[in-house]
Amino acid sequence: MRKGFASLFSASLVVALAFAPSDGLSGYDASCIPVQISVAARGDGDVKEPSLDEPTAPLPDSAKGKGASGKFRATVPVYFHVVSPDGVVGNVTDAQIADQIRVMNLAYNGAYGGAKTGFSFTLAGVTRTVNADWFNAGPGSPDERAMKQALSTSAPEALNYYSTTAGVYLGWAYLPGLSDSRMYLDGIVVDWESMLHTSTRYEGRYDLGLTAVHESGHWLGLEHTFFGGCNAKGDFVADTPAERTPTSGCPLGKDTCAEPGADPIHNYMDYSYDECYFEFTAGQTSRMQDHFAFFRAGD
């Protein structure tokens, strides 16, 4: 059963989405496919998930199935890039950044429920930039490229976290496997108003800091739980029940596929409200560990 945010964050802190492709059923495990960017639309409207024409390397078969041994531990350095249009809007405080890192660590440690993934995140640095074009940059835009070329640090080993208004989205992320020449694109872009205690814009929906958990799940190699719909491969993880459609809100009992198991609405890689989220599965843990070890762990 999920543990409540309030109890875990009573003195500190306690979806938020972003997310990878739902439209490409072929290819993530096929060689040289376009990089899918995970994108969540704001509010309760249609989720828009563009894919960019960026080739990505597949995870080799020889690198699969090595995760979830119980001994895996990885500390991911996070470079937090705060971008504001005027030095005021979106200029989140150091305390709010620390809260966001704490939310990520609680989620990846299974504190809300689900598997302990073996991942932890530590703040390695903060940059602050005033640039209205970068603040409003959308996925695949010249402004996104300019922002990341200027700010990207230590990719792919480190997580570059870009705090902006994320265009018209809650956020987006690139999957592992970008080429060296395009590695500057690596990282996650997250709407600053989805962070804990920064804004009331998404109150009751996407305001507990879990958008970054969803996006970093993509950064570590996870697809959406509804990726592939009801087909046999689905999201390439055996212990996430098949799901035909993304979730909005927290509709208990939602079940869109004939295969066993209700839709995994509590999984961080669905599109549920933040308060509905509480887990990664053991299979997702293994997939993230495999991708990290191959693409991000360094020599």
Protein backbone atom coordinates (compact mmCIF):
# COMPACT_ATOMS: atom_id res chain seq x y z
CA MET A 1 0.00 0.00 0.00
CA ARG A 2 1.25 3.46 -0.76
CA LYS A 3 2.62 5.54 2.05
CA GLY A 4 1.24 9.07 2.22
CA PHE A 5 3.27 12.03 1.06
CA ALA A 6 2.26 14.00 4.12
CA SER A 7 3.74 11.53 6.57
CA LEU A 8 6.98 11.20 4.62
CA PHE A 9 7.37 14.92 4.18
CA SER A 10 5.91 16.32 7.36
CA ALA A 11 9.01 18.27 8.24
CA SER A 12 10.77 18.32 4.91
CA LEU A 13 8.78 17.79 1.77
CA VAL A 14 7.25 15.59 0.32
CA VAL A 15 3.35 14.34 -12.70
CA ALA A 16 3.96 14.73 -13.42
CA LEU A 17 4.84 13.52 -16.44
CA ALA A 18 7.01 13.62 -19.21
CA PHE A 19 7.46 10.97 -20.85
CA ALA A 20 8.41 9.06 -23.84
CA PRO A 21 6.75 8.04 -27.04
CA SER A 22 3.45 6.32 -27.31
CA ASP A 23 3.23 6.41 -31.06
CA GLY A 24 6.18 4.26 -32.08
CA LEU A 25 5.54 0.59 -31.54
CA SER A 26 8.61 -0.49 -33.40
CA GLY A 27 12.11 0.17 -32.76
CA TYR A 28 13.32 1.08 -29.33
CA ASP A 29 15.18 -2.20 -29.16
CA ALA A 30 16.00 -2.13 -32.86
CA SER A 31 19.23 -0.57 -33.96
CA CYS A 32 19.47 3.09 -34.80
CA ILE A 33 15.96 4.35 -34.17
CA PRO A 34 14.85 7.92 -33.72
CA VAL A 35 15.21 9.15 -30.17
CA GLN A 36 11.80 9.49 -28.67
CA ILE A 37 11.22 12.39 -26.40
CA SER A 38 8.89 12.00 -23.57
CA VAL A 39 6.46 14.81 -23.33
CA ALA A 40 3.44 15.45 -21.19
CA ALA A 41 0.84 18.02 -22.04
CA ARG A 42 -0.26 20.48 -19.40
CA GLY A 43 -3.54 19.99 -17.66
CA ASP A 44 -5.94 17.27 -18.67
CA GLY A 45 -5.79 17.74 -22.42
CA ASP A 46 -4.40 15.38 -25.00
CA VAL A 47 -0.85 14.24 -24.39
CA LYS A 48 1.41 15.32 -27.22
CA GLU A 49 4.48 13.21 -27.82
CA PRO A 50 6.64 14.31 -30.70
CA SER A 51 9.64 12.25 -31.65
CA LEU A 52 12.83 13.83 -32.89
CA ASP A 53 14.95 12.56 -35.71
CA GLU A 54 17.85 11.76 -33.44
CA PRO A 55 19.41 8.31 -33.86
CA THR A 56 19.93 6.37 -30.68
CA ALA A 57 21.86 3.18 -30.06
CA PRO A 58 19.92 0.15 -28.78
CA LEU A 59 20.81 -1.73 -25.63
CA PRO A 60 22.70 -4.85 -26.82
CA ASP A 61 21.28 -8.22 -25.84
CA SER A 62 24.52 -8.94 -24.01
CA ALA A 63 23.83 -6.00 -21.68
CA LYS A 64 20.29 -7.07 -20.76
CA GLY A 65 19.16 -8.92 -17.67
CA LYS A 66 22.03 -7.93 -15.43
CA GLY A 67 20.10 -5.55 -13.20
CA ALA A 68 18.02 -6.05 -10.06
CA SER A 69 20.70 -8.21 -8.47
CA GLY A 70 20.15 -6.51 -5.12
CA LYS A 71 23.74 -5.27 -5.08
CA PHE A 72 23.40 -2.45 -7.62
CA ARG A 73 24.13 1.03 -6.30
CA ALA A 74 24.63 4.17 -8.35
CA THR A 75 24.79 7.80 -7.30
CA VAL A 76 23.86 10.14 -10.14
CA PRO A 77 25.26 13.68 -10.05
CA VAL A 78 22.66 16.29 -11.00
CA TYR A 79 23.48 19.61 -12.63
CA PHE A 80 20.43 21.78 -12.05
CA HIS A 81 20.05 24.54 -14.65
CA VAL A 82 17.58 27.22 -13.55
CA VAL A 83 16.39 29.32 -16.49
CA SER A 84 14.23 32.40 -15.96
CA PRO A 85 12.87 34.96 -18.43
CA ASP A 86 13.55 37.89 -16.10
CA GLY A 87 15.45 36.67 -13.04
CA VAL A 88 12.21 36.40 -11.04
CA VAL A 89 9.71 34.04 -12.71
CA GLY A 90 10.89 30.44 -12.37
CA ASN A 91 13.96 31.41 -10.38
CA VAL A 92 13.51 28.56 -7.92
CA THR A 93 15.40 28.74 -4.64
CA ASP A 94 18.22 26.51 -3.45
CA ALA A 95 15.83 25.08 -0.86
CA GLN A 96 13.28 24.18 -3.56
CA ILE A 97 16.02 22.50 -5.59
CA ALA A 98 17.04 20.49 -2.53
CA ASP A 99 13.42 19.48 -2.06
CA GLN A 100 13.22 18.27 -5.66
CA ILE A 101 16.33 16.13 -5.26
CA ARG A 102 14.84 14.73 -2.03
CA VAL A 103 11.60 13.79 -3.81
CA MET A 104 13.57 11.94 -6.48
CA ASN A 105 15.60 10.06 -3.90
CA LEU A 106 12.50 9.03 -1.95
CA ALA A 107 10.80 7.75 -5.10
CA TYR A 108 13.83 5.81 -6.34
CA ASN A 109 14.40 4.33 -2.88
CA GLY A 110 10.87 2.92 -2.73
CA ALA A 111 9.84 5.22 0.13
CA TYR A 112 6.38 5.79 -1.35
CA GLY A 113 6.04 2.12 -2.38
CA GLY A 114 7.34 -0.16 -5.09
CA ALA A 115 10.89 -1.33 -5.73
CA LYS A 116 14.10 0.07 -4.31
CA THR A 117 15.97 0.82 -7.51
CA GLY A 118 19.50 1.28 -6.20
CA PHE A 119 19.70 4.80 -7.65
CA SER A 120 20.28 7.97 -5.69
CA PHE A 121 20.76 11.55 -6.86
CA THR A 122 23.09 14.18 -5.51
CA LEU A 123 23.27 17.84 -6.44
CA ALA A 124 26.55 18.52 -8.23
CA GLY A 125 25.97 22.13 -9.25
CA VAL A 126 23.44 24.87 -9.97
CA THR A 127 23.49 27.36 -12.83
CA ARG A 128 21.18 30.36 -13.10
CA THR A 129 20.48 31.96 -16.47
CA VAL A 130 18.19 34.81 -17.53
CA ASN A 131 17.02 34.09 -21.07
CA ALA A 132 13.38 34.33 -22.16
CA ASP A 133 13.92 32.31 -25.34
CA TRP A 134 15.46 29.41 -23.45
CA PHE A 135 12.80 29.62 -20.73
CA ASN A 136 10.06 29.13 -23.35
CA ALA A 137 11.98 26.68 -25.57
CA GLY A 138 10.06 23.68 -26.90
CA PRO A 139 11.39 20.21 -27.71
CA GLY A 140 13.53 20.08 -30.84
CA SER A 141 13.68 23.85 -31.16
CA PRO A 142 16.78 25.94 -31.93
CA ASP A 143 16.41 27.49 -28.49
CA GLU A 144 16.52 24.09 -26.81
CA ARG A 145 19.69 23.27 -28.72
CA ALA A 146 21.30 26.62 -27.86
CA MET A 147 20.42 26.27 -24.17
CA LYS A 148 21.81 22.78 -23.90
CA GLN A 149 24.94 23.48 -25.92
CA ALA A 150 25.71 26.29 -23.49
CA LEU A 151 24.80 24.56 -20.23
CA SER A 152 25.20 20.77 -20.61
CA THR A 153 27.74 19.37 -18.14
CA SER A 154 29.28 15.89 -17.88
CA ALA A 155 26.70 14.06 -20.03
CA PRO A 156 25.88 11.18 -20.24
CA GLU A 157 27.13 10.21 -16.77
CA ALA A 158 25.49 13.18 -15.03
CA LEU A 159 21.83 14.16 -15.19
CA ASN A 160 21.34 17.64 -16.62
CA TYR A 161 18.08 18.99 -15.22
CA TYR A 162 16.72 22.05 -17.07
CA SER A 163 14.14 23.96 -15.02
CA THR A 164 12.12 26.10 -17.46
CA THR A 165 8.46 26.51 -18.36
CA ALA A 166 8.98 23.55 -20.75
CA GLY A 167 7.18 25.12 -23.67
CA VAL A 168 3.57 23.91 -23.71
CA TYR A 169 4.46 20.74 -21.79
CA LEU A 170 5.18 19.55 -18.29
CA GLY A 171 8.51 18.23 -19.48
CA TRP A 172 10.46 15.97 -21.79
CA ALA A 173 13.45 13.67 -21.78
CA TYR A 174 15.72 11.86 -24.18
CA LEU A 175 16.28 8.13 -23.84
CA PRO A 176 19.85 6.81 -23.48
CA GLY A 177 22.00 6.20 -26.54
CA LEU A 178 22.48 9.59 -28.18
CA SER A 179 25.52 9.89 -30.41
CA ASP A 180 28.57 11.68 -29.08
CA SER A 181 28.00 14.61 -31.41
CA ARG A 182 24.45 15.09 -30.08
CA MET A 183 25.12 14.20 -26.46
CA TYR A 184 24.57 17.83 -25.44
CA LEU A 185 20.83 17.16 -25.89
CA ASP A 186 20.89 14.59 -23.09
CA GLY A 187 18.98 15.38 -19.91
CA ILE A 188 15.50 16.31 -18.77
CA VAL A 189 13.49 19.50 -19.15
CA VAL A 190 10.89 20.05 -16.42
CA ASP A 191 8.29 22.77 -15.87
CA TRP A 192 9.41 24.60 -12.72
CA GLU A 193 5.80 24.87 -11.55
CA SER A 194 5.59 21.07 -11.15
CA MET A 195 8.19 21.18 -8.38
CA LEU A 196 7.06 20.91 -4.77
CA HIS A 197 6.00 24.19 -3.15
CA THR A 198 6.83 26.43 -6.11
CA SER A 199 3.41 27.30 -7.55
CA THR A 200 -0.32 26.59 -7.27
CA ARG A 201 -0.76 26.25 -11.04
CA TYR A 202 -0.97 22.44 -10.98
CA GLU A 203 -2.29 22.11 -7.43
CA GLY A 204 -3.92 18.73 -6.83
CA ARG A 205 -2.62 17.39 -10.13
CA TYR A 206 1.10 17.75 -10.87
CA ASP A 207 2.58 19.68 -7.96
CA LEU A 208 4.48 17.14 -5.84
CA GLY A 209 7.72 17.05 -7.80
CA LEU A 210 7.07 13.72 -9.53
CA THR A 211 7.34 15.04 -13.07
CA ALA A 212 11.09 14.89 -12.57
CA VAL A 213 10.78 11.29 -11.36
CA HIS A 214 8.88 10.37 -14.52
CA GLU A 215 11.36 12.20 -16.77
CA SER A 216 14.42 10.75 -15.10
CA GLY A 217 12.83 7.32 -15.60
CA HIS A 218 12.99 7.98 -19.33
CA TRP A 219 16.57 9.22 -18.95
CA LEU A 220 17.34 5.82 -17.42
CA GLY A 221 15.72 3.91 -20.29
CA LEU A 222 12.06 3.40 -19.36
CA GLU A 223 9.16 3.76 -21.77
CA HIS A 224 5.66 4.73 -20.73
CA THR A 225 3.63 1.90 -19.24
CA PHE A 226 1.20 2.37 -22.16
CA PHE A 227 3.96 2.21 -24.79
CA GLY A 228 2.97 -0.47 -27.29
CA GLY A 229 -0.58 -0.64 -25.97
CA CYS A 230 -1.88 -4.17 -25.48
CA ASN A 231 0.67 -5.88 -27.71
CA ALA A 232 2.96 -8.59 -26.39
CA LYS A 233 6.05 -6.41 -25.93
CA GLY A 234 4.32 -3.39 -24.46
CA ASP A 235 6.88 -1.28 -22.60
CA PHE A 236 9.48 -4.12 -22.72
CA VAL A 237 8.97 -4.78 -19.00
CA ALA A 238 7.24 -8.03 -18.00
CA ASP A 239 5.83 -6.96 -14.63
CA THR A 240 3.95 -3.84 -15.75
CA PRO A 241 0.45 -4.91 -16.86
CA ALA A 242 -0.51 -4.09 -20.43
CA GLU A 243 -2.17 -0.70 -20.85
CA ARG A 244 -3.85 0.67 -23.97
CA THR A 245 -4.22 4.33 -23.03
CA PRO A 246 -2.45 6.86 -20.80
CA THR A 247 -4.14 7.63 -17.50
CA SER A 248 -5.47 10.98 -16.34
CA GLY A 249 -6.28 11.48 -12.68
CA CYS A 250 -6.37 8.32 -10.56
CA PRO A 251 -9.17 6.07 -11.88
CA LEU A 252 -8.96 3.01 -9.65
CA GLY A 253 -9.84 -0.18 -11.53
CA LYS A 254 -8.95 1.20 -14.97
CA ASP A 255 -8.31 -1.83 -17.18
CA THR A 256 -7.89 -1.27 -20.91
CA CYS A 257 -6.35 -4.58 -22.04
CA ALA A 258 -7.63 -8.15 -21.94
CA GLU A 259 -4.34 -9.41 -20.52
CA PRO A 260 -4.22 -10.07 -16.74
CA GLY A 261 -3.83 -7.11 -14.45
CA ALA A 262 -5.44 -3.70 -14.16
CA ASP A 263 -3.69 -0.73 -15.72
CA PRO A 264 -0.60 0.33 -13.72
CA ILE A 265 -2.01 3.74 -12.82
CA HIS A 266 0.25 4.02 -9.77
CA ASN A 267 3.41 3.60 -11.82
CA TYR A 268 5.62 6.65 -12.28
CA MET A 269 5.73 5.98 -16.02
CA ASP A 270 1.99 6.44 -16.58
CA TYR A 271 0.35 9.89 -16.86
CA SER A 272 -1.58 9.86 -13.58
CA TYR A 273 -1.79 12.74 -11.11
CA ASP A 274 1.15 13.00 -8.72
CA GLU A 275 -0.88 11.80 -5.74
CA CYS A 276 -1.68 8.60 -7.64
CA TYR A 277 1.95 7.67 -8.26
CA PHE A 278 3.96 5.47 -5.95
CA GLU A 279 6.07 2.86 -7.73
CA PHE A 280 8.65 1.54 -10.06
CA THR A 281 8.54 -2.25 -10.48
CA ALA A 282 11.34 -4.79 -10.16
CA GLY A 283 11.33 -5.21 -13.94
CA GLN A 284 11.64 -1.48 -14.50
CA THR A 285 14.45 -1.42 -11.95
CA SER A 286 16.33 -4.07 -13.90
CA ARG A 287 15.84 -2.18 -17.17
CA MET A 288 17.07 1.10 -15.66
CA GLN A 289 20.10 -0.57 -14.14
CA ASP A 290 21.00 -2.27 -17.44
CA HIS A 291 20.70 0.99 -19.38
CA PHE A 292 22.67 2.94 -16.81
CA ALA A 293 25.47 0.40 -16.67
CA PHE A 294 25.84 0.31 -20.44
CA PHE A 295 25.19 3.93 -21.45
CA ARG A 296 25.93 6.08 -18.42
CA ALA A 297 28.24 4.47 -15.90
CA GLY A 298 31.44 5.53 -17.69
CA ASP A 299 34.62 3.53 -17.81
